[in-house]
Protein backbone atom coordinates (compact mmCIF):
# COMPACT_ATOMS: atom_id res chain seq x y z
CA MET A 1 -32.69 -10.33 -44.46
CA CYS A 2 -30.29 -8.50 -46.78
CA ASP A 3 -27.07 -8.82 -48.79
CA ASN A 4 -24.94 -6.92 -46.25
CA ASP A 5 -22.10 -8.75 -44.53
CA ALA A 6 -22.92 -10.29 -41.17
CA ALA A 7 -21.45 -8.29 -38.30
CA SER A 8 -22.91 -10.23 -35.35
CA MET A 9 -25.27 -12.99 -34.30
CA GLU A 10 -28.88 -12.02 -33.65
CA HIS A 11 -31.21 -13.77 -31.22
CA VAL A 12 -34.48 -15.04 -32.71
CA PRO A 13 -36.74 -13.93 -31.09
CA PRO A 14 -34.96 -11.02 -29.29
CA VAL A 15 -33.26 -12.14 -26.09
CA CYS A 16 -35.11 -9.49 -24.06
CA LEU A 17 -38.32 -11.54 -24.36
CA PHE A 18 -36.78 -14.25 -22.20
CA PRO A 19 -36.66 -13.58 -18.41
CA GLU A 20 -33.21 -13.40 -16.84
CA ILE A 21 -32.12 -15.82 -14.11
CA LYS A 22 -31.60 -12.91 -11.71
CA ASP A 23 -35.37 -12.32 -11.83
CA THR A 24 -36.46 -15.97 -11.82
CA LYS A 25 -34.43 -17.17 -8.80
CA GLY A 26 -32.51 -19.73 -10.80
CA ILE A 27 -35.06 -20.87 -13.39
CA ASN A 28 -33.44 -20.74 -16.80
CA PHE A 29 -35.70 -19.48 -19.59
CA ARG A 30 -32.76 -18.84 -21.92
CA LYS A 31 -31.82 -22.41 -22.83
CA ASN A 32 -30.40 -22.91 -26.33
CA LEU A 33 -31.65 -19.63 -27.76
CA ILE A 34 -31.66 -19.42 -31.55
CA LYS A 35 -29.02 -17.20 -33.15
CA VAL A 36 -28.56 -16.30 -36.80
CA PRO A 37 -26.00 -14.10 -38.58
CA SER A 38 -27.07 -10.49 -38.98
CA CYS A 39 -25.77 -7.20 -40.29
CA ASP A 40 -25.56 -4.22 -37.95
CA ILE A 41 -28.71 -2.56 -39.33
CA HIS A 42 -30.87 -5.62 -38.74
CA ASN A 43 -29.54 -6.29 -35.23
CA SER A 44 -28.01 -3.67 -32.95
CA LYS A 45 -29.79 -0.73 -34.57
CA LYS A 46 -33.24 -2.22 -33.92
CA SER A 47 -32.99 -2.25 -30.13
CA ASP A 48 -35.93 0.17 -29.87
CA ASP A 49 -38.09 -2.25 -31.85
CA ASP A 50 -37.04 -5.09 -29.55
CA GLU A 51 -38.12 -3.07 -26.53
CA PHE A 52 -41.40 -2.16 -28.22
CA LEU A 53 -42.07 -5.85 -28.91
CA LEU A 54 -41.24 -6.75 -25.32
CA PHE A 55 -43.67 -4.18 -23.92
CA SER A 56 -46.38 -5.11 -26.42
CA LEU A 57 -46.28 -8.87 -25.81
CA THR A 58 -45.72 -9.04 -22.06
CA GLY A 59 -48.60 -6.63 -21.50
CA LEU A 60 -51.26 -8.98 -22.92
CA ILE A 61 -53.75 -10.01 -20.23
CA THR A 62 -54.12 -13.47 -21.79
CA ASN A 63 -50.44 -14.35 -21.17
CA ASN A 64 -49.33 -17.37 -19.20
CA THR A 65 -47.67 -16.95 -15.79
CA VAL A 66 -44.20 -16.49 -17.31
CA GLY A 67 -45.37 -13.62 -19.50
CA LYS A 68 -47.14 -11.97 -16.60
CA PHE A 69 -44.10 -12.42 -14.35
CA HIS A 70 -41.81 -10.87 -16.97
CA PHE A 71 -44.15 -7.89 -17.24
CA TYR A 72 -44.37 -7.28 -13.49
CA SER A 73 -40.60 -7.59 -13.04
CA LYS A 74 -38.34 -6.42 -15.88
CA VAL A 75 -40.93 -4.54 -17.92
CA ASN A 76 -42.41 -2.66 -14.97
CA ARG A 77 -38.91 -1.54 -13.97
CA ALA A 78 -38.32 -0.27 -17.49
CA ILE A 79 -41.67 1.53 -17.62
CA ARG A 80 -40.90 3.39 -14.38
CA ARG A 81 -37.72 4.73 -15.99
CA LYS A 82 -39.68 6.13 -18.93
CA ASN A 83 -41.63 9.38 -19.08
CA LYS A 84 -45.35 9.22 -18.37
CA ASP A 85 -46.31 9.45 -22.05
CA PHE A 86 -44.15 6.51 -23.15
CA ILE A 87 -46.93 3.90 -23.37
CA ASN A 88 -49.25 6.25 -25.27
CA LYS A 89 -46.59 7.37 -27.73
CA GLN A 90 -44.65 4.14 -28.23
CA VAL A 91 -46.81 1.10 -27.44
CA LEU A 92 -50.56 1.84 -27.52
CA ARG A 93 -52.29 4.60 -29.44
CA ASN A 94 -55.30 6.28 -27.81
CA HIS A 95 -54.21 4.77 -24.53
CA LYS A 96 -56.61 4.78 -21.60
CA TYR A 97 -57.14 2.80 -18.41
CA GLY A 98 -60.01 0.43 -17.76
CA ILE A 99 -61.23 -2.18 -15.31
CA VAL A 100 -61.80 -5.83 -16.24
CA LYS A 101 -62.76 -8.80 -14.09
CA ILE A 102 -60.28 -11.68 -14.24
CA ASN A 103 -61.00 -14.78 -12.11
CA ASN A 104 -63.60 -12.76 -10.17
CA GLU A 105 -61.01 -10.11 -9.36
CA GLU A 106 -61.06 -6.59 -10.80
CA LYS A 107 -57.86 -5.54 -12.55
CA LEU A 108 -56.68 -2.14 -13.80
CA ILE A 109 -55.55 -2.53 -17.41
CA SER A 110 -54.30 -0.39 -20.29
CA ILE A 111 -56.51 -0.24 -23.38
CA GLY A 112 -55.56 1.12 -26.77
CA HIS A 113 -54.79 0.47 -30.42
CA PRO A 114 -51.55 -1.44 -31.07
CA ASP A 115 -49.07 -0.26 -33.66
CA ALA A 116 -49.85 -3.16 -35.99
CA GLU A 117 -47.40 -1.99 -38.66
CA ARG A 118 -44.49 -1.91 -36.21
CA LEU A 119 -45.50 -5.28 -34.75
CA ALA A 120 -45.50 -6.75 -38.27
CA LYS A 121 -41.99 -5.40 -38.81
CA CYS A 122 -40.79 -7.09 -35.60
CA PHE A 123 -42.41 -10.41 -36.47
CA GLU A 124 -41.02 -10.23 -40.00
CA HIS A 125 -37.50 -10.12 -38.54
CA ILE A 126 -38.25 -13.16 -36.41
CA ALA A 127 -39.81 -15.05 -39.33
CA HIS A 128 -36.75 -14.42 -41.51
CA GLY A 129 -34.52 -15.63 -38.68
CA LEU A 130 -36.50 -18.83 -38.14
CA TYR A 131 -36.47 -19.55 -41.88
CA TYR A 132 -32.67 -19.19 -41.97
CA HIS A 133 -32.30 -21.32 -38.83
CA LYS A 134 -34.38 -24.13 -40.36
CA PHE A 135 -33.26 -24.10 -43.99
CA GLY A 136 -29.75 -22.62 -43.71
CA LYS A 137 -30.38 -19.94 -46.30
CA ARG A 138 -31.88 -16.47 -46.59
CA PHE A 139 -35.52 -16.22 -47.58
CA ILE A 140 -36.16 -14.15 -50.69
CA GLY A 141 -39.78 -13.39 -51.48
CA GLU A 142 -42.94 -12.08 -49.83
CA ILE A 143 -44.17 -12.67 -46.30
CA PHE A 144 -47.87 -12.59 -45.40
CA MET A 145 -48.88 -12.37 -41.76
CA ILE A 146 -51.89 -12.43 -39.43
CA ASN A 147 -51.63 -11.59 -35.73
CA GLY A 148 -53.89 -13.93 -33.81
CA PHE A 149 -53.91 -11.80 -30.65
CA ILE A 150 -55.19 -8.62 -32.33
CA ASP A 151 -58.85 -7.84 -32.95
CA TYR A 152 -59.04 -6.23 -36.38
CA LYS A 153 -61.55 -3.50 -37.19
CA ASP A 154 -61.94 -4.86 -40.71
CA SER A 155 -64.46 -7.72 -40.53
CA ASN A 156 -62.82 -9.64 -43.39
CA GLN A 157 -59.42 -9.42 -41.70
CA GLN A 158 -60.98 -10.61 -38.46
CA MET A 159 -62.64 -13.55 -40.25
CA LEU A 160 -59.37 -14.38 -42.01
CA LYS A 161 -57.70 -14.53 -38.60
CA LYS A 162 -60.28 -17.07 -37.42
CA PHE A 163 -59.90 -19.05 -40.65
CA MET A 164 -56.11 -19.18 -40.35
CA LYS A 165 -56.26 -20.19 -36.69
CA ARG A 166 -58.60 -23.08 -37.48
CA ARG A 167 -56.58 -24.18 -40.50
CA PHE A 168 -53.38 -24.30 -38.44
CA GLU A 169 -55.19 -26.29 -35.75
CA LEU A 170 -56.42 -28.85 -38.29
CA GLU A 171 -53.04 -29.19 -39.98
CA THR A 172 -50.92 -29.33 -36.82
CA VAL A 173 -51.01 -33.12 -36.54
CA LEU A 174 -49.78 -33.43 -40.15
CA ASN A 175 -46.67 -31.33 -39.63
CA GLU A 176 -43.49 -31.18 -37.59
CA ASP A 177 -43.47 -31.07 -33.81
CA PHE A 178 -43.44 -27.72 -32.09
CA GLN A 179 -39.89 -26.38 -31.68
CA GLY A 180 -38.28 -24.22 -29.00
CA ASP A 181 -36.43 -25.11 -25.81
CA ASN A 182 -38.24 -22.42 -23.81
CA PRO A 183 -41.88 -23.06 -24.81
CA SER A 184 -43.39 -21.05 -21.95
CA VAL A 185 -41.78 -18.01 -23.60
CA PHE A 186 -41.73 -18.95 -27.29
CA TYR A 187 -42.30 -21.93 -29.56
CA TYR A 188 -42.98 -22.39 -33.25
CA GLN A 189 -44.05 -24.94 -35.85
CA PHE A 190 -43.26 -25.06 -39.56
CA HIS A 191 -45.88 -26.58 -41.83
CA LYS A 192 -45.05 -28.63 -44.88
CA PRO A 193 -45.19 -26.74 -48.20
CA ASP A 194 -48.65 -26.70 -49.75
CA GLU A 195 -49.50 -27.57 -53.37
CA HIS A 196 -48.19 -24.16 -54.51
CA GLY A 197 -44.94 -24.36 -52.55
CA LEU A 198 -46.03 -21.88 -49.87
CA ILE A 199 -44.50 -22.51 -46.44
CA ALA A 200 -46.29 -21.53 -43.24
CA VAL A 201 -45.06 -21.15 -39.68
CA LYS A 202 -46.97 -20.58 -36.46
CA MET A 203 -45.22 -18.61 -33.71
CA VAL A 204 -46.52 -18.51 -30.14
CA PHE A 205 -45.37 -16.11 -27.40
CA TYR A 206 -46.11 -16.58 -23.69
CA GLY A 207 -48.50 -19.43 -24.32
CA THR A 208 -51.29 -17.59 -26.12
CA ALA A 209 -50.06 -14.79 -28.44
CA GLU A 210 -50.16 -16.48 -31.85
CA VAL A 211 -48.73 -15.16 -35.11
CA TYR A 212 -49.35 -16.91 -38.44
CA VAL A 213 -46.81 -16.38 -41.21
CA CYS A 214 -46.75 -17.53 -44.84
CA PHE A 215 -43.58 -17.51 -46.95
CA LYS A 216 -44.03 -17.05 -50.71
CA ALA A 217 -40.69 -17.51 -52.42
CA LYS A 218 -39.80 -15.15 -55.27
CA GLU A 219 -39.87 -17.92 -57.86
CA ILE A 220 -43.41 -19.05 -57.00
CA GLU A 221 -46.18 -17.89 -59.32
CA MET A 222 -49.58 -18.15 -57.70
CA PRO A 223 -52.47 -19.40 -59.86
CA HIS A 224 -55.64 -17.41 -60.39
CA ASN A 225 -57.67 -17.42 -57.16
CA LEU A 226 -61.37 -16.68 -57.70
CA THR A 227 -62.17 -16.75 -53.98
CA THR A 228 -59.64 -14.03 -53.21
CA GLU A 229 -60.97 -11.88 -56.06
CA LEU A 230 -64.57 -12.27 -54.88
CA ILE A 231 -63.67 -11.29 -51.32
CA GLY A 232 -61.61 -8.34 -52.53
CA GLY A 233 -64.49 -7.26 -54.77
CA GLY A 234 -66.95 -7.13 -51.89
CA VAL A 235 -68.94 -10.22 -52.93
CA LYS A 236 -70.37 -12.30 -50.10
CA THR A 237 -68.19 -15.41 -50.01
CA ILE A 238 -68.09 -18.42 -47.71
CA MET A 239 -64.92 -20.43 -47.17
CA THR A 240 -65.19 -23.84 -45.52
CA LEU A 241 -62.86 -25.98 -43.42
CA GLY A 242 -64.39 -29.36 -42.73
CA ASP A 243 -67.92 -28.63 -41.55
CA GLU A 244 -67.12 -25.05 -40.47
CA GLU A 245 -68.07 -22.00 -42.51
CA PHE A 246 -66.25 -18.66 -42.57
CA PRO A 247 -68.33 -15.90 -44.22
CA PHE A 248 -66.64 -12.87 -45.80
CA ASN A 249 -68.37 -9.62 -46.78
CA ASP A 250 -71.30 -10.86 -44.70
């Protein structure tokens, strides 16, 4: 991510997201984990961010069984060691408890606003690592990101999330296979560069938490985009994918 000398190898994603064998009774969820060179600032000094990401992702009620298991084992142990205000101050803002019905069974859950800015920072680290792992060089440019597991207050952002999800679904068959030797924890898929040279990657955590990332290299100059200007200017605009319509500023 920077020009500093590499001091260690960093796991991508953080190793803490993968359950340990001592908790899984012999099942190995840490097969062939990705590692990339990293400076000290972008590895060991971000341990708090790694823990924040672990708590944020394993706590999602839509997770697969591995994500839920990791939450009720390692993460629950860690939460009990924290002070009572940890979740409210570090993971969810405006935290409160609520009851939801899952498979006809009532469950006590935590409800709140995620720290989207901090999540983006964590996913940016992972995206840079995956890019280096695939292409063997550091990415220099801008990264654009949409979190598929967050409901955005802004209606245009929410519609963009739906648009990106559908576009990735339609383009999946045209691109590389999904990668990752521990897919129940994490897998990803790079898409071929588009007509402008933009490269996209889809990251999936615990089966359902999707993150969509676009890499715009420094040397790429984007052409004038009327659609983007209309949406940004508050004009009602409809984008289409196949026979589906996605209205903005509706």
